[in-house]
Amino acid sequence: MAASLLAGSCVATSTIPAAYAAATTNTAANAAADAPAAKPAAIPSYPDKNPSSNPLELAVSAAIVIDADTGQLLYSYNIDQPLPPASMTKMMTEYMVLRAVKEGKLSWEQEISVSKEAASTPADGSQIYLAEGDTHTVKELYTAMSVASANDATIALATQLGGSEAKFVEMMNATAKEIGLTTATFTSSTGLLDTTVIAAKDTAKLAMTILKEHPEFLDYSKIPSIKFRERDEKPMINNDWMLEGNKGNANFAQYTYDGVDGMKTGFLNAAGYCFTGTVKRGDTRLISVVYGTQNKGKRFLETRKLYDWAFSNLERKTIVQPKSVVESAETVTLAKGKSKTVAVATESDFTLMVKKGATPQAAVSSTSLPADGELVAPVKAGQKIGTVTYEYKDPETGAVATKQLNLVATQDVDKAGWFSLMMRGIGEFFSGLFKGIVNLF
């Protein structure tokens, strides 16, 4: 199971999502320029060394599948080795643009003058042929980066945010450190340099961070094709051939997959053909990464094997229910209450992807509760009192999933009246005195 994983065409042209038609003004952007950085979503950290096996015999140099909701590791093959991600690098640039828009440092309708650096992008990669001094909106350039993987549009956005691509790369590495991408070293905003490296586990972690903090990412990544300029003869074609939106396109018939709506492809000679994908079916969303396939189509066919395996063999199962009582932490001592203790239970559940038909068990790895005298009445039902951390170890692969749940009071406990507290204090005094006398003998 988990870790090795349990485990004649027509072109549809889309418009840029209407949800982003309304943009903040430049004035608002300037006013918000000093706003604090968005707090990263709670994303699990993967160990330095993870299980590595390839039971599906994928023709890849690395592969990973995780649950997009929890980060649970499902398939794990060579995920610790830093490798060139090629244009999957652009997911970090996209993340930083989305963050800048959210913080008001950019607005979707803000016009950007194309820098000389962006206009000088080498002609041997994906681009939309920007000229120095051209003006385009952030939205237009972001769409070109997302859909067409346009290197010149990417550098135009990078130089707008960083002043130069080199300065932006410094920002990328600082952001990588901030969100815990421990294997990442970025040397360009585009991935054109094979000196940029990141392990598959951190590429998946970046993808999960994006989807947690900026779900609007998918509104762009799922566009099958779109014109950059109205006068353009042909639209930009999304390199993600697995998109569900490609149904009906005979060119991609063998690759399309129900529920796929992103994320990013990549290719370099040093990297092979790579793909970070995401698929949603029912209440389950998966994130996958493959590195090093031999051709464009193979990266999607190998990803299909991962998705087929996961949906055929795994199911979502709740192994700790809400309102569960923890045997080692059933009650917490309460000061000045009508009761001397308050009962606690889990606030939420612990749900995992497990092998179909399995009866998984979670173990309590730690609890955190107030010390005697720290919790003082009154207490309200549902009030957070402490935490419990559960651990689940995959019996087949050894991969470990953990989750911290809040422990909350199960009932109201009012503060005791002064007379009750006085009598309790007198009783405790004499009880302590008696125990002290006994101890003398």
Protein backbone atom coordinates (compact mmCIF):
# COMPACT_ATOMS: atom_id res chain seq x y z
CA MET A 1 0.00 0.00 0.00
CA ALA A 2 1.21 3.50 0.75
CA ALA A 3 4.73 4.61 -0.03
CA SER A 4 5.24 2.17 -2.83
CA LEU A 5 1.63 2.96 -3.09
CA LEU A 6 -0.16 0.64 -1.15
CA ALA A 7 -0.72 2.68 -4.46
CA GLY A 8 -9.12 14.68 -36.76
CA SER A 9 -9.13 16.86 -33.67
CA CYS A 10 -10.95 19.89 -32.47
CA VAL A 11 -9.26 22.44 -30.19
CA ALA A 12 -11.41 23.87 -27.42
CA THR A 13 -10.55 27.50 -26.78
CA SER A 14 -11.26 28.94 -23.34
CA THR A 15 -11.48 32.43 -21.95
CA ILE A 16 -9.61 33.63 -18.89
CA PRO A 17 -11.68 32.82 -15.77
CA ALA A 18 -14.27 35.50 -15.07
CA ALA A 19 -13.60 35.22 -11.36
CA TYR A 20 -10.45 37.25 -11.89
CA ALA A 21 -11.95 39.97 -14.03
CA ALA A 22 -12.12 42.38 -11.11
CA ALA A 23 -8.65 43.50 -10.13
CA THR A 24 -7.25 45.61 -7.36
CA THR A 25 -6.07 49.06 -8.37
CA ASN A 26 -2.41 50.00 -8.42
CA THR A 27 -3.11 52.34 -5.52
CA ALA A 28 -4.43 49.46 -3.47
CA ALA A 29 -1.44 47.39 -4.46
CA ASN A 30 0.96 50.08 -3.24
CA ALA A 31 -0.94 50.47 0.01
CA ALA A 32 -0.69 46.76 0.67
CA ALA A 33 2.93 46.41 -0.41
CA ASP A 34 4.12 46.13 3.16
CA ALA A 35 1.48 43.59 4.18
CA PRO A 36 2.88 40.55 6.00
CA ALA A 37 3.51 37.44 3.95
CA ALA A 38 0.68 34.93 3.82
CA LYS A 39 1.09 32.19 6.41
CA PRO A 40 1.82 28.90 4.65
CA ALA A 41 -0.77 26.15 4.96
CA ALA A 42 -0.05 23.28 7.34
CA ILE A 43 1.83 20.88 5.08
CA PRO A 44 3.44 17.71 6.43
CA SER A 45 7.20 17.31 6.34
CA TYR A 46 8.58 14.16 4.77
CA PRO A 47 11.60 12.41 6.31
CA ASP A 48 15.07 12.80 4.84
CA LYS A 49 14.92 9.15 3.78
CA ASN A 50 11.65 7.62 2.57
CA PRO A 51 10.65 4.14 1.40
CA SER A 52 11.56 3.55 -2.23
CA SER A 53 10.08 0.81 -4.36
CA ASN A 54 8.52 0.65 -7.79
CA PRO A 55 5.95 -2.16 -7.81
CA LEU A 56 4.24 -0.72 -10.88
CA GLU A 57 7.57 -0.90 -12.73
CA LEU A 58 7.17 2.66 -13.98
CA ALA A 59 9.69 3.81 -16.59
CA VAL A 60 10.68 6.88 -14.59
CA SER A 61 13.62 8.17 -12.57
CA ALA A 62 11.34 9.15 -9.67
CA ALA A 63 7.63 8.98 -8.84
CA ILE A 64 5.39 10.03 -5.98
CA VAL A 65 1.68 10.15 -5.22
CA ILE A 66 0.25 11.91 -2.17
CA ASP A 67 -3.21 12.64 -0.86
CA ALA A 68 -3.68 16.34 -1.63
CA ASP A 69 -5.74 16.89 1.53
CA THR A 70 -3.46 15.32 4.12
CA GLY A 71 -0.14 14.96 2.33
CA GLN A 72 -0.15 11.23 3.09
CA LEU A 73 2.55 9.46 1.12
CA LEU A 74 1.00 6.81 -1.10
CA TYR A 75 3.60 5.90 -3.76
CA SER A 76 7.27 6.54 -3.21
CA TYR A 77 10.06 5.78 -5.67
CA ASN A 78 13.39 7.63 -5.43
CA ILE A 79 11.60 10.69 -4.03
CA ASP A 80 14.54 11.94 -1.94
CA GLN A 81 17.04 12.55 -4.75
CA PRO A 82 17.23 16.16 -6.00
CA LEU A 83 16.69 16.14 -9.78
CA PRO A 84 16.26 18.85 -12.43
CA PRO A 85 12.52 19.63 -12.64
CA ALA A 86 12.72 21.52 -15.95
CA SER A 87 9.62 23.69 -16.44
CA MET A 88 7.95 22.28 -13.32
CA THR A 89 10.14 25.00 -11.76
CA LYS A 90 7.48 27.45 -12.93
CA MET A 91 5.13 26.20 -10.21
CA MET A 92 7.24 28.16 -7.74
CA THR A 93 7.05 31.27 -9.93
CA GLU A 94 3.29 30.79 -10.25
CA TYR A 95 3.01 30.37 -6.48
CA MET A 96 4.91 33.59 -5.88
CA VAL A 97 2.79 35.54 -8.38
CA LEU A 98 -0.43 34.23 -6.81
CA ARG A 99 0.87 35.18 -3.37
CA ALA A 100 1.82 38.66 -4.60
CA VAL A 101 -1.68 39.15 -6.02
CA LYS A 102 -3.25 37.98 -2.77
CA GLU A 103 -1.07 40.36 -0.78
CA GLY A 104 -1.86 43.29 -3.10
CA LYS A 105 1.69 43.61 -4.42
CA LEU A 106 0.37 42.87 -7.91
CA SER A 107 -3.11 43.12 -9.41
CA TRP A 108 -4.47 41.01 -12.22
CA GLU A 109 -5.18 43.99 -14.49
CA GLN A 110 -1.88 45.74 -13.70
CA GLU A 111 0.03 46.35 -16.93
CA ILE A 112 3.65 45.26 -17.10
CA SER A 113 6.19 46.59 -19.57
CA VAL A 114 8.22 43.70 -20.91
CA SER A 115 11.82 43.91 -19.77
CA LYS A 116 14.83 43.47 -22.05
CA GLU A 117 15.67 40.37 -20.01
CA ALA A 118 12.28 38.78 -20.78
CA ALA A 119 12.39 39.76 -24.45
CA SER A 120 15.84 38.15 -24.77
CA THR A 121 14.61 34.69 -23.78
CA PRO A 122 16.32 32.00 -25.92
CA ALA A 123 14.18 30.97 -28.87
CA ASP A 124 14.63 27.24 -28.32
CA GLY A 125 11.97 26.95 -25.60
CA SER A 126 8.30 27.69 -25.10
CA GLN A 127 7.49 31.37 -25.54
CA ILE A 128 4.93 33.87 -26.79
CA TYR A 129 7.47 36.15 -28.52
CA LEU A 130 7.33 39.20 -26.29
CA ALA A 131 9.12 42.33 -27.46
CA GLU A 132 10.90 44.74 -25.15
CA GLY A 133 8.51 47.50 -24.12
CA ASP A 134 5.35 45.53 -24.94
CA THR A 135 2.71 45.93 -22.26
CA HIS A 136 0.53 43.09 -21.02
CA THR A 137 -1.49 42.55 -17.89
CA VAL A 138 -0.38 40.30 -15.07
CA LYS A 139 -3.34 38.08 -15.90
CA GLU A 140 -2.31 37.71 -19.54
CA LEU A 141 1.29 36.91 -18.68
CA TYR A 142 0.30 34.50 -15.89
CA THR A 143 -2.09 32.69 -18.25
CA ALA A 144 0.70 32.33 -20.82
CA MET A 145 3.00 30.94 -18.13
CA SER A 146 0.34 28.53 -16.86
CA VAL A 147 -1.11 27.29 -20.14
CA ALA A 148 1.79 27.53 -22.60
CA SER A 149 4.70 27.37 -20.11
CA ALA A 150 5.97 30.52 -21.84
CA ASN A 151 9.50 31.30 -20.67
CA ASP A 152 9.41 34.95 -21.73
CA ALA A 153 6.12 35.56 -19.87
CA THR A 154 7.60 33.87 -16.83
CA ILE A 155 10.69 36.08 -16.85
CA ALA A 156 8.54 39.18 -17.39
CA LEU A 157 6.66 38.40 -14.18
CA ALA A 158 9.85 37.46 -12.35
CA THR A 159 11.59 40.72 -13.24
CA GLN A 160 8.49 42.69 -12.26
CA LEU A 161 8.55 41.14 -8.78
CA GLY A 162 12.32 40.93 -8.27
CA GLY A 163 13.74 43.75 -10.40
CA SER A 164 15.81 41.15 -12.24
CA GLU A 165 15.55 37.40 -12.69
CA ALA A 166 18.62 36.93 -10.51
CA LYS A 167 16.99 38.83 -7.63
CA PHE A 168 13.77 36.89 -8.16
CA VAL A 169 15.70 33.62 -7.94
CA GLU A 170 16.96 34.75 -4.54
CA MET A 171 13.32 35.27 -3.55
CA MET A 172 12.46 31.80 -4.86
CA ASN A 173 15.10 30.17 -2.68
CA ALA A 174 14.01 32.17 0.36
CA THR A 175 10.41 31.10 -0.26
CA ALA A 176 11.48 27.48 -0.70
CA LYS A 177 13.18 27.61 2.68
CA GLU A 178 10.13 29.25 4.23
CA ILE A 179 7.73 26.53 3.11
CA GLY A 180 10.11 23.67 3.88
CA LEU A 181 11.39 22.59 0.47
CA THR A 182 14.64 21.30 1.91
CA THR A 183 16.01 19.77 -1.32
CA ALA A 184 15.28 22.72 -3.62
CA THR A 185 17.93 24.90 -5.24
CA PHE A 186 16.54 27.34 -7.81
CA THR A 187 18.84 28.97 -10.36
CA SER A 188 16.21 30.33 -12.77
CA SER A 189 12.53 31.27 -12.75
CA THR A 190 11.78 29.03 -15.72
CA GLY A 191 13.66 25.77 -15.18
CA LEU A 192 15.73 26.27 -18.32
CA LEU A 193 18.94 25.65 -16.33
CA ASP A 194 19.66 22.09 -15.24
CA THR A 195 21.38 23.48 -12.15
CA THR A 196 17.91 23.92 -10.64
CA VAL A 197 17.14 20.77 -8.65
CA ILE A 198 14.38 19.60 -6.34
CA ALA A 199 13.41 16.12 -5.12
CA ALA A 200 10.04 14.65 -6.09
CA LYS A 201 8.84 14.80 -2.47
CA ASP A 202 9.36 18.57 -2.41
CA THR A 203 7.80 19.09 -5.84
CA ALA A 204 4.71 17.31 -4.49
CA LYS A 205 4.88 19.41 -1.34
CA LEU A 206 5.04 22.61 -3.40
CA ALA A 207 2.02 21.45 -5.42
CA MET A 208 0.09 20.74 -2.22
CA THR A 209 1.02 24.14 -0.80
CA ILE A 210 -0.26 25.83 -3.96
CA LEU A 211 -3.58 23.99 -3.89
CA LYS A 212 -4.09 24.66 -0.17
CA GLU A 213 -3.29 28.37 -0.35
CA HIS A 214 -4.31 29.23 -3.92
CA PRO A 215 -6.96 26.86 -5.31
CA GLU A 216 -7.52 29.40 -8.11
CA PHE A 217 -4.32 27.97 -9.62
CA LEU A 218 -6.51 25.27 -11.15
CA ASP A 219 -8.72 27.80 -12.93
CA TYR A 220 -5.74 28.51 -15.17
CA SER A 221 -3.96 25.16 -15.28
CA LYS A 222 -7.10 23.40 -16.56
CA ILE A 223 -7.48 25.65 -19.65
CA PRO A 224 -6.84 23.38 -22.69
CA SER A 225 -6.07 26.23 -25.08
CA ILE A 226 -6.44 30.00 -25.33
CA LYS A 227 -5.21 32.82 -27.55
CA PHE A 228 -2.67 35.16 -26.01
CA ARG A 229 -3.47 37.97 -28.46
CA GLU A 230 -6.73 38.31 -30.33
CA ARG A 231 -4.76 38.66 -33.55
CA ASP A 232 -2.87 35.41 -33.01
CA GLU A 233 -3.65 32.87 -35.70
CA LYS A 234 -3.44 29.92 -33.33
CA PRO A 235 -4.11 29.54 -29.61
CA MET A 236 -1.61 28.48 -26.99
CA ILE A 237 -2.00 24.74 -26.35
CA ASN A 238 -1.68 23.39 -22.82
CA ASN A 239 1.12 20.82 -22.58
CA ASP A 240 -0.91 18.83 -20.05
CA TRP A 241 -2.49 16.27 -22.37
CA MET A 242 -4.24 14.51 -19.47
CA LEU A 243 -6.66 17.37 -18.85
CA GLU A 244 -10.27 16.29 -18.64
CA GLY A 245 -10.97 19.37 -20.75
CA ASN A 246 -9.22 17.68 -23.67
CA LYS A 247 -12.04 15.18 -24.05
CA GLY A 248 -13.22 15.29 -27.64
CA ASN A 249 -9.73 16.15 -28.89
CA ALA A 250 -8.67 13.11 -30.90
CA ASN A 251 -4.99 14.03 -30.58
CA PHE A 252 -5.13 13.47 -26.83
CA ALA A 253 -7.66 10.62 -26.67
CA GLN A 254 -5.21 8.12 -25.17
CA TYR A 255 -4.04 10.57 -22.50
CA THR A 256 -7.11 12.40 -21.14
CA TYR A 257 -8.19 11.29 -17.68
CA ASP A 258 -11.40 12.11 -15.84
CA GLY A 259 -10.78 14.59 -13.03
CA VAL A 260 -7.37 15.88 -14.10
CA ASP A 261 -7.23 19.70 -13.92
CA GLY A 262 -3.50 20.55 -13.62
CA MET A 263 -0.60 21.12 -12.93
CA LYS A 264 2.74 21.48 -14.88
CA THR A 265 4.91 19.65 -17.41
CA GLY A 266 8.65 19.96 -17.99
CA PHE A 267 11.45 18.82 -20.25
CA LEU A 268 15.22 19.16 -20.36
CA ASN A 269 17.77 16.74 -21.74
CA ALA A 270 19.12 16.37 -18.20
CA ALA A 271 15.65 15.84 -16.74
CA GLY A 272 13.77 13.84 -19.32
CA TYR A 273 10.04 14.41 -19.64
CA CYS A 274 8.46 15.30 -16.31
CA PHE A 275 4.93 15.96 -15.06
CA THR A 276 3.29 17.15 -11.87
CA GLY A 277 -0.39 16.26 -12.04
CA THR A 278 -3.50 16.41 -9.90
CA VAL A 279 -6.77 14.55 -10.21
CA LYS A 280 -10.01 14.71 -8.23
CA ARG A 281 -12.67 12.02 -8.03
CA GLY A 282 -15.43 12.23 -5.46
CA ASP A 283 -13.94 13.56 -2.23
CA THR A 284 -10.42 12.39 -3.09
CA ARG A 285 -7.78 14.57 -4.74
CA LEU A 286 -4.35 13.16 -5.51
CA ILE A 287 -1.10 14.89 -6.45
CA SER A 288 1.46 13.01 -8.53
CA VAL A 289 4.97 13.73 -9.79
CA VAL A 290 7.00 11.76 -12.31
CA TYR A 291 10.53 12.56 -13.48
CA GLY A 292 12.61 11.24 -16.33
CA THR A 293 10.31 9.56 -18.82
CA GLN A 294 11.53 9.04 -22.39
CA ASN A 295 8.99 11.05 -24.39
CA LYS A 296 6.12 13.50 -24.09
CA GLY A 297 3.33 10.96 -24.01
CA LYS A 298 5.07 8.51 -21.66
CA ARG A 299 4.93 10.91 -18.70
CA PHE A 300 1.13 10.87 -18.95
CA LEU A 301 0.84 7.13 -19.49
CA GLU A 302 2.99 6.46 -16.41
CA THR A 303 0.90 8.94 -14.43
CA ARG A 304 -2.24 7.14 -15.61
CA LYS A 305 -0.84 3.91 -14.12
CA LEU A 306 -0.42 5.67 -10.77
CA TYR A 307 -3.97 7.05 -10.80
CA ASP A 308 -5.51 3.75 -11.92
CA TRP A 309 -3.61 1.95 -9.18
CA ALA A 310 -4.64 4.43 -6.49
CA PHE A 311 -8.34 4.56 -7.34
CA SER A 312 -8.55 0.77 -7.81
CA ASN A 313 -6.67 -0.24 -4.67
CA LEU A 314 -7.11 2.50 -2.09
CA GLU A 315 -10.07 3.94 -0.26
CA ARG A 316 -10.57 6.76 2.18
CA LYS A 317 -11.25 5.47 5.68
CA THR A 318 -11.74 7.25 9.00
CA ILE A 319 -9.63 5.51 11.64
CA VAL A 320 -10.30 7.98 14.46
CA GLN A 321 -13.83 9.36 14.71
CA PRO A 322 -14.73 12.84 15.98
CA LYS A 323 -15.60 12.86 19.70
CA SER A 324 -13.35 9.87 20.35
CA VAL A 325 -12.11 9.46 23.93
CA VAL A 326 -8.36 9.00 24.32
CA GLU A 327 -7.71 6.28 26.88
CA SER A 328 -4.65 8.02 28.31
CA ALA A 329 -6.35 11.43 28.42
CA GLU A 330 -10.01 10.93 29.29
CA THR A 331 -10.18 13.88 31.72
CA VAL A 332 -8.18 16.97 32.62
CA THR A 333 -7.84 18.44 36.11
CA LEU A 334 -9.88 21.62 36.50
CA ALA A 335 -9.33 24.33 39.09
CA LYS A 336 -12.20 26.25 40.74
CA GLY A 337 -14.89 24.30 38.89
CA LYS A 338 -18.06 22.67 40.19
CA SER A 339 -16.31 19.51 39.05
CA LYS A 340 -12.65 18.85 39.70
CA THR A 341 -12.15 17.47 36.19
CA VAL A 342 -13.51 17.98 32.71
CA ALA A 343 -13.93 15.20 30.15
CA VAL A 344 -12.26 15.70 26.76
CA ALA A 345 -12.58 14.09 23.34
CA THR A 346 -11.23 14.60 19.83
CA GLU A 347 -12.67 17.57 17.97
CA SER A 348 -12.23 16.10 14.47
CA ASP A 349 -11.34 12.88 12.70
CA PHE A 350 -8.24 11.15 11.37
CA THR A 351 -8.99 9.96 7.84
CA LEU A 352 -6.51 8.21 5.57
CA MET A 353 -6.15 6.48 2.24
CA VAL A 354 -5.71 2.76 2.97
CA LYS A 355 -5.85 -0.49 1.06
CA LYS A 356 -9.43 -1.46 0.27
CA GLY A 357 -10.80 -3.87 2.85
CA ALA A 358 -8.09 -3.08 5.42
CA THR A 359 -8.91 -2.43 9.09
CA PRO A 360 -6.23 0.12 9.99
CA GLN A 361 -5.46 1.06 13.57
CA ALA A 362 -3.98 4.34 14.76
CA ALA A 363 -1.77 4.59 17.84
CA VAL A 364 -1.48 7.59 20.15
CA SER A 365 2.08 8.89 19.88
CA SER A 366 1.74 11.91 22.21
CA THR A 367 -0.68 14.15 24.08
CA SER A 368 -0.39 17.73 25.25
CA LEU A 369 -2.62 18.77 28.18
CA PRO A 370 -2.60 21.54 30.78
CA ALA A 371 -0.69 20.81 33.97
CA ASP A 372 -2.58 20.63 37.26
CA GLY A 373 -3.85 24.08 38.19
CA GLU A 374 -3.43 25.58 34.69
CA LEU A 375 -6.98 24.99 33.50
CA VAL A 376 -9.43 27.17 35.43
CA ALA A 377 -13.24 27.10 35.34
CA PRO A 378 -15.51 28.04 33.71
CA VAL A 379 -15.07 25.77 30.68
CA LYS A 380 -17.44 25.61 27.72
CA ALA A 381 -18.29 22.51 25.72
CA GLY A 382 -16.17 22.48 22.57
CA GLN A 383 -13.41 24.60 24.14
CA LYS A 384 -9.92 23.46 23.12
CA ILE A 385 -8.14 21.93 26.10
CA GLY A 386 -5.16 20.18 24.53
CA THR A 387 -4.02 18.02 21.63
CA VAL A 388 -3.41 14.38 20.78
CA THR A 389 -1.17 13.11 18.00
CA TYR A 390 -2.03 9.85 16.27
CA GLU A 391 0.31 7.77 14.16
CA TYR A 392 -0.48 5.21 11.47
CA LYS A 393 2.22 2.98 10.01
CA ASP A 394 1.57 1.32 6.69
CA PRO A 395 2.10 -2.41 7.33
CA GLU A 396 3.33 -3.04 3.78
CA THR A 397 5.72 -0.15 3.22
CA GLY A 398 6.53 1.25 6.64
CA ALA A 399 5.47 4.76 5.62
CA VAL A 400 4.19 6.68 8.64
CA ALA A 401 1.28 9.14 8.63
CA THR A 402 0.60 11.35 11.64
CA LYS A 403 -2.13 13.79 12.54
CA GLN A 404 -2.57 16.12 15.49
CA LEU A 405 -6.16 16.57 16.68
CA ASN A 406 -7.54 19.05 19.16
CA LEU A 407 -8.94 17.69 22.43
CA VAL A 408 -12.03 19.65 23.43
CA ALA A 409 -14.26 19.73 26.50
CA THR A 410 -17.32 17.51 26.13
CA GLN A 411 -19.51 19.57 28.49
CA ASP A 412 -19.81 22.91 30.23
CA VAL A 413 -18.27 23.14 33.69
CA ASP A 414 -19.21 26.26 35.64
CA LYS A 415 -17.09 27.93 38.25
CA ALA A 416 -17.89 26.77 41.78
CA GLY A 417 -19.38 29.22 44.29
CA TRP A 418 -17.27 30.81 46.98
CA PHE A 419 -18.67 28.59 49.73
CA SER A 420 -17.95 25.40 47.81
CA LEU A 421 -14.44 26.57 47.04
CA MET A 422 -13.87 27.46 50.71
CA MET A 423 -15.09 24.06 51.93
CA ARG A 424 -13.01 22.32 49.28
CA GLY A 425 -9.95 24.27 50.37
CA ILE A 426 -10.51 23.35 54.02
CA GLY A 427 -10.92 19.69 53.08
CA GLU A 428 -7.76 19.72 50.99
CA PHE A 429 -5.87 21.42 53.85
CA PHE A 430 -6.79 18.77 56.41
CA SER A 431 -6.26 15.98 53.90
CA GLY A 432 -2.77 17.26 53.22
CA LEU A 433 -2.09 17.72 56.91
CA PHE A 434 -3.18 14.14 57.67
CA LYS A 435 -1.01 12.75 54.90
CA GLY A 436 1.95 14.76 56.24
CA ILE A 437 1.49 13.34 59.72
CA VAL A 438 1.21 9.78 58.37
CA ASN A 439 4.43 10.27 56.46
CA LEU A 440 6.24 11.11 59.71
CA PHE A 441 5.82 7.55 60.80
